[in-house]
């Protein structure tokens, strides 16, 4: 075979390899995520009954006994103060459990007490209703979750990534049914290329971690 033909075939083979590499690169574009690999949304269903904690404020109503009805906070020791019966344990208990316990204590004073407990302020639950971003951002944040908040919203709240960040290696940590799962967040693709596949909707308790480069 003539040297010129061999050279042309070598060039053709080289171009074929380059084209294949280009096509592979296009098929694995950074920031894209298959739908099945996206983090699941928390299950929509019956909301678990709330258990009170220190700082919550409840309204205690005793039927036909307005003088015994009161609006009180849950103390740091987990108790509330109810007229006539004194302290009633409220911490880590549901409103219904507190009502039944109060009724039992009132039995020695009232023949058929009927008590209702209404939670007016959920101060102790505020920590669980937050979202957080840590690591390579201008100002790590822990803020109250807002409906419709996304990864990008939270990162912008934190002032964006800092000069040491490795944003494309960011992660979302989400706990579902007691299990913490980790999902990729291609933050550089979101910020610089507008590829929003990993701009997930956030839910209470979510944590975004932005790693910093190691020098």
C-alpha atoms as a PDB file:
ATOM      1  CA  UNK A   1       0.000   0.000   0.000  1.00  0.00           C
ATOM      2  CA  UNK A   2       1.349   3.449  -0.915  1.00  0.00           C
ATOM      3  CA  UNK A   3       2.619   5.628   1.974  1.00  0.00           C
ATOM      4  CA  UNK A   4       0.092   8.369   1.085  1.00  0.00           C
ATOM      5  CA  UNK A   5      -2.825   5.973   1.435  1.00  0.00           C
ATOM      6  CA  UNK A   6      -1.537   4.733   4.827  1.00  0.00           C
ATOM      7  CA  UNK A   7      -1.233   8.330   6.011  1.00  0.00           C
ATOM      8  CA  UNK A   8      -4.779   9.139   4.897  1.00  0.00           C
ATOM      9  CA  UNK A   9      -6.153   6.077   6.708  1.00  0.00           C
ATOM     10  CA  UNK A  10      -4.263   7.031   9.867  1.00  0.00           C
ATOM     11  CA  UNK A  11      -5.728  10.530   9.706  1.00  0.00           C
ATOM     12  CA  UNK A  12      -9.205   9.107   9.167  1.00  0.00           C
ATOM     13  CA  UNK A  13      -8.834   6.785  12.164  1.00  0.00           C
ATOM     14  CA  UNK A  14      -7.638   9.712  14.299  1.00  0.00           C
ATOM     15  CA  UNK A  15     -10.608  11.858  13.265  1.00  0.00           C
ATOM     16  CA  UNK A  16     -12.984   8.982  13.994  1.00  0.00           C
ATOM     17  CA  UNK A  17     -11.600   8.668  17.527  1.00  0.00           C
ATOM     18  CA  UNK A  18     -11.937  12.432  18.099  1.00  0.00           C
ATOM     19  CA  UNK A  19     -15.535  12.357  16.846  1.00  0.00           C
ATOM     20  CA  UNK A  20     -16.370   9.453  19.169  1.00  0.00           C
ATOM     21  CA  UNK A  21     -14.866  11.300  22.136  1.00  0.00           C
ATOM     22  CA  UNK A  22     -16.889  14.402  21.248  1.00  0.00           C
ATOM     23  CA  UNK A  23     -20.140  12.443  21.039  1.00  0.00           C
ATOM     24  CA  UNK A  24     -19.497  10.721  24.366  1.00  0.00           C
ATOM     25  CA  UNK A  25     -18.805  14.098  25.934  1.00  0.00           C
ATOM     26  CA  UNK A  26     -22.065  15.469  24.586  1.00  0.00           C
ATOM     27  CA  UNK A  27     -23.984  12.471  25.924  1.00  0.00           C
ATOM     28  CA  UNK A  28     -22.687  12.952  29.475  1.00  0.00           C
ATOM     29  CA  UNK A  29     -23.075  16.700  29.761  1.00  0.00           C
ATOM     30  CA  UNK A  30     -22.392  17.941  33.298  1.00  0.00           C
ATOM     31  CA  UNK A  31     -25.378  18.836  35.412  1.00  0.00           C
ATOM     32  CA  UNK A  32     -27.967  16.568  33.793  1.00  0.00           C
ATOM     33  CA  UNK A  33     -29.748  13.968  35.924  1.00  0.00           C
ATOM     34  CA  UNK A  34     -32.134  11.200  34.931  1.00  0.00           C
ATOM     35  CA  UNK A  35     -35.603  11.601  36.383  1.00  0.00           C
ATOM     36  CA  UNK A  36     -35.318   8.321  38.312  1.00  0.00           C
ATOM     37  CA  UNK A  37     -32.128   9.547  40.014  1.00  0.00           C
ATOM     38  CA  UNK A  38     -33.720  12.695  41.408  1.00  0.00           C
ATOM     39  CA  UNK A  39     -34.457  12.803  45.151  1.00  0.00           C
ATOM     40  CA  UNK A  40     -37.999  11.701  45.981  1.00  0.00           C
ATOM     41  CA  UNK A  41     -40.412  14.174  47.481  1.00  0.00           C
ATOM     42  CA  UNK A  42     -41.566  13.436  51.025  1.00  0.00           C
ATOM     43  CA  UNK A  43     -44.608  11.162  50.957  1.00  0.00           C
ATOM     44  CA  UNK A  44     -47.873  13.048  50.783  1.00  0.00           C
ATOM     45  CA  UNK A  45     -50.299  11.603  53.290  1.00  0.00           C
ATOM     46  CA  UNK A  46     -51.608  11.974  56.786  1.00  0.00           C
ATOM     47  CA  UNK A  47     -49.513  14.425  58.764  1.00  0.00           C
ATOM     48  CA  UNK A  48     -48.133  12.750  61.891  1.00  0.00           C
ATOM     49  CA  UNK A  49     -49.623  14.128  65.076  1.00  0.00           C
ATOM     50  CA  UNK A  50     -47.449  16.835  66.528  1.00  0.00           C
ATOM     51  CA  UNK A  51     -45.600  16.222  69.800  1.00  0.00           C
ATOM     52  CA  UNK A  52     -44.968  19.288  71.868  1.00  0.00           C
ATOM     53  CA  UNK A  53     -41.652  20.623  73.078  1.00  0.00           C
ATOM     54  CA  UNK A  54     -40.271  23.417  75.241  1.00  0.00           C
ATOM     55  CA  UNK A  55     -41.362  26.851  74.040  1.00  0.00           C
ATOM     56  CA  UNK A  56     -44.571  25.723  72.355  1.00  0.00           C
ATOM     57  CA  UNK A  57     -47.668  27.588  73.508  1.00  0.00           C
ATOM     58  CA  UNK A  58     -50.977  25.804  74.036  1.00  0.00           C
ATOM     59  CA  UNK A  59     -54.503  26.810  74.909  1.00  0.00           C
ATOM     60  CA  UNK A  60     -56.123  24.578  77.543  1.00  0.00           C
ATOM     61  CA  UNK A  61     -59.931  24.675  77.505  1.00  0.00           C
ATOM     62  CA  UNK A  62     -62.101  22.928  80.089  1.00  0.00           C
ATOM     63  CA  UNK A  63     -65.737  22.554  79.009  1.00  0.00           C
ATOM     64  CA  UNK A  64     -68.176  24.595  81.132  1.00  0.00           C
ATOM     65  CA  UNK A  65     -65.254  25.771  83.301  1.00  0.00           C
ATOM     66  CA  UNK A  66     -63.870  28.938  81.695  1.00  0.00           C
ATOM     67  CA  UNK A  67     -62.074  29.819  84.935  1.00  0.00           C
ATOM     68  CA  UNK A  68     -59.870  26.732  84.425  1.00  0.00           C
ATOM     69  CA  UNK A  69     -59.081  27.541  80.792  1.00  0.00           C
ATOM     70  CA  UNK A  70     -55.638  29.034  80.217  1.00  0.00           C
ATOM     71  CA  UNK A  71     -53.015  29.819  77.554  1.00  0.00           C
ATOM     72  CA  UNK A  72     -49.611  28.558  78.702  1.00  0.00           C
ATOM     73  CA  UNK A  73     -46.132  27.750  77.371  1.00  0.00           C
ATOM     74  CA  UNK A  74     -44.443  24.381  77.669  1.00  0.00           C
ATOM     75  CA  UNK A  75     -41.670  24.937  80.198  1.00  0.00           C
ATOM     76  CA  UNK A  76     -38.078  23.728  79.667  1.00  0.00           C
ATOM     77  CA  UNK A  77     -38.814  20.808  82.004  1.00  0.00           C
ATOM     78  CA  UNK A  78     -41.624  19.694  79.657  1.00  0.00           C
ATOM     79  CA  UNK A  79     -44.558  20.611  81.896  1.00  0.00           C
ATOM     80  CA  UNK A  80     -47.433  23.088  81.613  1.00  0.00           C
ATOM     81  CA  UNK A  81     -49.248  24.671  84.545  1.00  0.00           C
ATOM     82  CA  UNK A  82     -53.011  24.138  84.653  1.00  0.00           C
ATOM     83  CA  UNK A  83     -55.268  25.801  87.245  1.00  0.00           C
ATOM     84  CA  UNK A  84     -56.481  23.535  90.044  1.00  0.00           C
ATOM     85  CA  UNK A  85     -54.405  20.491  89.053  1.00  0.00           C
ATOM     86  CA  UNK A  86     -50.934  22.046  88.810  1.00  0.00           C
ATOM     87  CA  UNK A  87     -48.288  20.586  86.531  1.00  0.00           C
ATOM     88  CA  UNK A  88     -49.185  18.367  83.572  1.00  0.00           C
ATOM     89  CA  UNK A  89     -46.540  16.683  81.435  1.00  0.00           C
ATOM     90  CA  UNK A  90     -46.669  18.041  77.869  1.00  0.00           C
ATOM     91  CA  UNK A  91     -43.178  17.511  76.412  1.00  0.00           C
ATOM     92  CA  UNK A  92     -42.977  14.825  73.709  1.00  0.00           C
ATOM     93  CA  UNK A  93     -46.718  14.222  73.993  1.00  0.00           C
ATOM     94  CA  UNK A  94     -49.538  14.886  71.551  1.00  0.00           C
ATOM     95  CA  UNK A  95     -52.323  17.397  72.324  1.00  0.00           C
ATOM     96  CA  UNK A  96     -54.766  14.512  72.762  1.00  0.00           C
ATOM     97  CA  UNK A  97     -52.476  12.755  75.260  1.00  0.00           C
ATOM     98  CA  UNK A  98     -52.127  15.982  77.254  1.00  0.00           C
ATOM     99  CA  UNK A  99     -55.894  16.495  77.255  1.00  0.00           C
ATOM    100  CA  UNK A 100     -56.553  12.952  78.556  1.00  0.00           C
ATOM    101  CA  UNK A 101     -53.915  13.347  81.279  1.00  0.00           C
ATOM    102  CA  UNK A 102     -55.433  16.669  82.364  1.00  0.00           C
ATOM    103  CA  UNK A 103     -58.898  15.110  82.497  1.00  0.00           C
ATOM    104  CA  UNK A 104     -57.614  12.339  84.778  1.00  0.00           C
ATOM    105  CA  UNK A 105     -56.212  14.897  87.203  1.00  0.00           C
ATOM    106  CA  UNK A 106     -59.442  16.924  87.113  1.00  0.00           C
ATOM    107  CA  UNK A 107     -61.594  13.918  88.018  1.00  0.00           C
ATOM    108  CA  UNK A 108     -61.036  14.570  91.703  1.00  0.00           C
ATOM    109  CA  UNK A 109     -62.572  18.030  91.289  1.00  0.00           C
ATOM    110  CA  UNK A 110     -65.029  17.709  88.368  1.00  0.00           C
ATOM    111  CA  UNK A 111     -67.360  14.773  87.692  1.00  0.00           C
ATOM    112  CA  UNK A 112     -66.964  14.517  83.901  1.00  0.00           C
ATOM    113  CA  UNK A 113     -64.227  16.893  82.773  1.00  0.00           C
ATOM    114  CA  UNK A 114     -63.787  17.484  79.051  1.00  0.00           C
ATOM    115  CA  UNK A 115     -60.497  19.083  78.080  1.00  0.00           C
ATOM    116  CA  UNK A 116     -59.277  20.270  74.687  1.00  0.00           C
ATOM    117  CA  UNK A 117     -55.718  21.302  73.874  1.00  0.00           C
ATOM    118  CA  UNK A 118     -55.024  23.653  70.967  1.00  0.00           C
ATOM    119  CA  UNK A 119     -51.443  24.301  69.871  1.00  0.00           C
ATOM    120  CA  UNK A 120     -51.147  28.027  69.157  1.00  0.00           C
ATOM    121  CA  UNK A 121     -47.410  28.420  68.537  1.00  0.00           C
ATOM    122  CA  UNK A 122     -44.950  25.763  67.310  1.00  0.00           C
ATOM    123  CA  UNK A 123     -41.729  27.274  68.595  1.00  0.00           C
ATOM    124  CA  UNK A 124     -39.932  24.030  69.442  1.00  0.00           C
ATOM    125  CA  UNK A 125     -40.466  22.628  65.931  1.00  0.00           C
ATOM    126  CA  UNK A 126     -38.788  25.602  64.271  1.00  0.00           C
ATOM    127  CA  UNK A 127     -35.376  23.892  64.177  1.00  0.00           C
ATOM    128  CA  UNK A 128     -36.764  20.911  62.242  1.00  0.00           C
ATOM    129  CA  UNK A 129     -38.428  23.251  59.746  1.00  0.00           C
ATOM    130  CA  UNK A 130     -35.142  24.775  58.612  1.00  0.00           C
ATOM    131  CA  UNK A 131     -32.902  24.214  55.590  1.00  0.00           C
ATOM    132  CA  UNK A 132     -29.135  24.618  55.699  1.00  0.00           C
ATOM    133  CA  UNK A 133     -26.204  25.240  53.382  1.00  0.00           C
ATOM    134  CA  UNK A 134     -22.668  24.601  54.605  1.00  0.00           C
ATOM    135  CA  UNK A 135     -19.136  24.550  53.236  1.00  0.00           C
ATOM    136  CA  UNK A 136     -17.857  26.692  50.395  1.00  0.00           C
ATOM    137  CA  UNK A 137     -20.377  29.535  50.426  1.00  0.00           C
ATOM    138  CA  UNK A 138     -19.897  33.167  51.346  1.00  0.00           C
ATOM    139  CA  UNK A 139     -21.959  32.780  54.523  1.00  0.00           C
ATOM    140  CA  UNK A 140     -23.187  29.342  55.678  1.00  0.00           C
ATOM    141  CA  UNK A 141     -26.873  29.629  56.528  1.00  0.00           C
ATOM    142  CA  UNK A 142     -29.612  27.920  58.501  1.00  0.00           C
ATOM    143  CA  UNK A 143     -32.926  29.516  57.584  1.00  0.00           C
ATOM    144  CA  UNK A 144     -36.625  28.774  57.861  1.00  0.00           C
ATOM    145  CA  UNK A 145     -37.970  26.737  54.959  1.00  0.00           C
ATOM    146  CA  UNK A 146     -40.303  28.523  52.573  1.00  0.00           C
ATOM    147  CA  UNK A 147     -42.731  26.834  50.219  1.00  0.00           C
ATOM    148  CA  UNK A 148     -41.245  26.574  46.728  1.00  0.00           C
ATOM    149  CA  UNK A 149     -37.636  27.172  47.868  1.00  0.00           C
ATOM    150  CA  UNK A 150     -34.982  25.576  45.638  1.00  0.00           C
ATOM    151  CA  UNK A 151     -31.274  24.772  45.894  1.00  0.00           C
ATOM    152  CA  UNK A 152     -30.450  27.960  44.004  1.00  0.00           C
ATOM    153  CA  UNK A 153     -32.591  30.086  46.326  1.00  0.00           C
ATOM    154  CA  UNK A 154     -30.738  28.770  49.370  1.00  0.00           C
ATOM    155  CA  UNK A 155     -27.278  29.217  47.855  1.00  0.00           C
ATOM    156  CA  UNK A 156     -28.089  32.795  46.847  1.00  0.00           C
ATOM    157  CA  UNK A 157     -29.334  33.454  50.398  1.00  0.00           C
ATOM    158  CA  UNK A 158     -25.853  32.383  51.513  1.00  0.00           C
ATOM    159  CA  UNK A 159     -24.198  34.894  49.184  1.00  0.00           C
ATOM    160  CA  UNK A 160     -23.208  32.374  46.507  1.00  0.00           C
ATOM    161  CA  UNK A 161     -20.162  30.127  46.457  1.00  0.00           C
ATOM    162  CA  UNK A 162     -16.774  31.381  47.651  1.00  0.00           C
ATOM    163  CA  UNK A 163     -13.457  31.360  45.774  1.00  0.00           C
ATOM    164  CA  UNK A 164     -12.390  28.047  47.338  1.00  0.00           C
ATOM    165  CA  UNK A 165     -15.560  26.144  46.470  1.00  0.00           C
ATOM    166  CA  UNK A 166     -15.828  23.090  44.261  1.00  0.00           C
ATOM    167  CA  UNK A 167     -19.485  23.679  43.367  1.00  0.00           C
ATOM    168  CA  UNK A 168     -19.929  20.858  40.851  1.00  0.00           C
ATOM    169  CA  UNK A 169     -19.276  18.328  43.657  1.00  0.00           C
ATOM    170  CA  UNK A 170     -22.030  19.674  45.923  1.00  0.00           C
ATOM    171  CA  UNK A 171     -24.480  17.315  47.611  1.00  0.00           C
ATOM    172  CA  UNK A 172     -28.034  17.369  48.935  1.00  0.00           C
ATOM    173  CA  UNK A 173     -28.653  15.440  52.156  1.00  0.00           C
ATOM    174  CA  UNK A 174     -32.306  14.500  52.673  1.00  0.00           C
ATOM    175  CA  UNK A 175     -33.745  12.335  55.456  1.00  0.00           C
ATOM    176  CA  UNK A 176     -36.825  10.312  54.535  1.00  0.00           C
ATOM    177  CA  UNK A 177     -38.398   7.857  57.006  1.00  0.00           C
ATOM    178  CA  UNK A 178     -35.308   8.023  59.189  1.00  0.00           C
ATOM    179  CA  UNK A 179     -32.862   7.273  56.348  1.00  0.00           C
ATOM    180  CA  UNK A 180     -30.487   9.980  55.109  1.00  0.00           C
ATOM    181  CA  UNK A 181     -29.866   9.868  51.361  1.00  0.00           C
ATOM    182  CA  UNK A 182     -27.316  11.837  49.344  1.00  0.00           C
ATOM    183  CA  UNK A 183     -27.957  13.315  45.894  1.00  0.00           C
ATOM    184  CA  UNK A 184     -25.602  15.172  43.511  1.00  0.00           C
ATOM    185  CA  UNK A 185     -26.026  18.918  43.087  1.00  0.00           C
ATOM    186  CA  UNK A 186     -24.251  20.278  40.007  1.00  0.00           C
ATOM    187  CA  UNK A 187     -24.080  23.782  41.360  1.00  0.00           C
ATOM    188  CA  UNK A 188     -21.642  25.144  38.779  1.00  0.00           C
ATOM    189  CA  UNK A 189     -23.902  23.924  35.982  1.00  0.00           C
ATOM    190  CA  UNK A 190     -26.821  25.670  37.679  1.00  0.00           C
ATOM    191  CA  UNK A 191     -24.993  28.949  38.242  1.00  0.00           C
ATOM    192  CA  UNK A 192     -22.979  29.237  35.028  1.00  0.00           C
ATOM    193  CA  UNK A 193     -24.800  27.167  32.407  1.00  0.00           C
ATOM    194  CA  UNK A 194     -28.416  27.313  33.515  1.00  0.00           C
ATOM    195  CA  UNK A 195     -28.701  23.513  33.630  1.00  0.00           C
ATOM    196  CA  UNK A 196     -31.372  23.178  36.292  1.00  0.00           C
ATOM    197  CA  UNK A 197     -31.714  19.380  36.566  1.00  0.00           C
ATOM    198  CA  UNK A 198     -30.256  19.421  40.081  1.00  0.00           C
ATOM    199  CA  UNK A 199     -31.951  22.634  41.198  1.00  0.00           C
ATOM    200  CA  UNK A 200     -34.219  20.539  43.402  1.00  0.00           C
ATOM    201  CA  UNK A 201     -37.144  21.813  45.413  1.00  0.00           C
ATOM    202  CA  UNK A 202     -36.126  21.857  49.060  1.00  0.00           C
ATOM    203  CA  UNK A 203     -38.016  20.424  52.014  1.00  0.00           C
ATOM    204  CA  UNK A 204     -37.668  21.014  55.761  1.00  0.00           C
ATOM    205  CA  UNK A 205     -34.526  19.389  57.114  1.00  0.00           C
ATOM    206  CA  UNK A 206     -32.612  19.442  53.800  1.00  0.00           C
ATOM    207  CA  UNK A 207     -28.880  20.214  53.941  1.00  0.00           C
ATOM    208  CA  UNK A 208     -26.789  21.402  50.989  1.00  0.00           C
ATOM    209  CA  UNK A 209     -23.045  20.781  51.335  1.00  0.00           C
ATOM    210  CA  UNK A 210     -20.648  22.669  49.038  1.00  0.00           C
ATOM    211  CA  UNK A 211     -17.123  21.174  49.319  1.00  0.00           C
ATOM    212  CA  UNK A 212     -13.978  23.272  49.144  1.00  0.00           C
ATOM    213  CA  UNK A 213     -10.949  22.406  47.034  1.00  0.00           C
ATOM    214  CA  UNK A 214      -7.913  20.874  48.710  1.00  0.00           C
ATOM    215  CA  UNK A 215      -4.681  22.609  47.808  1.00  0.00           C
END
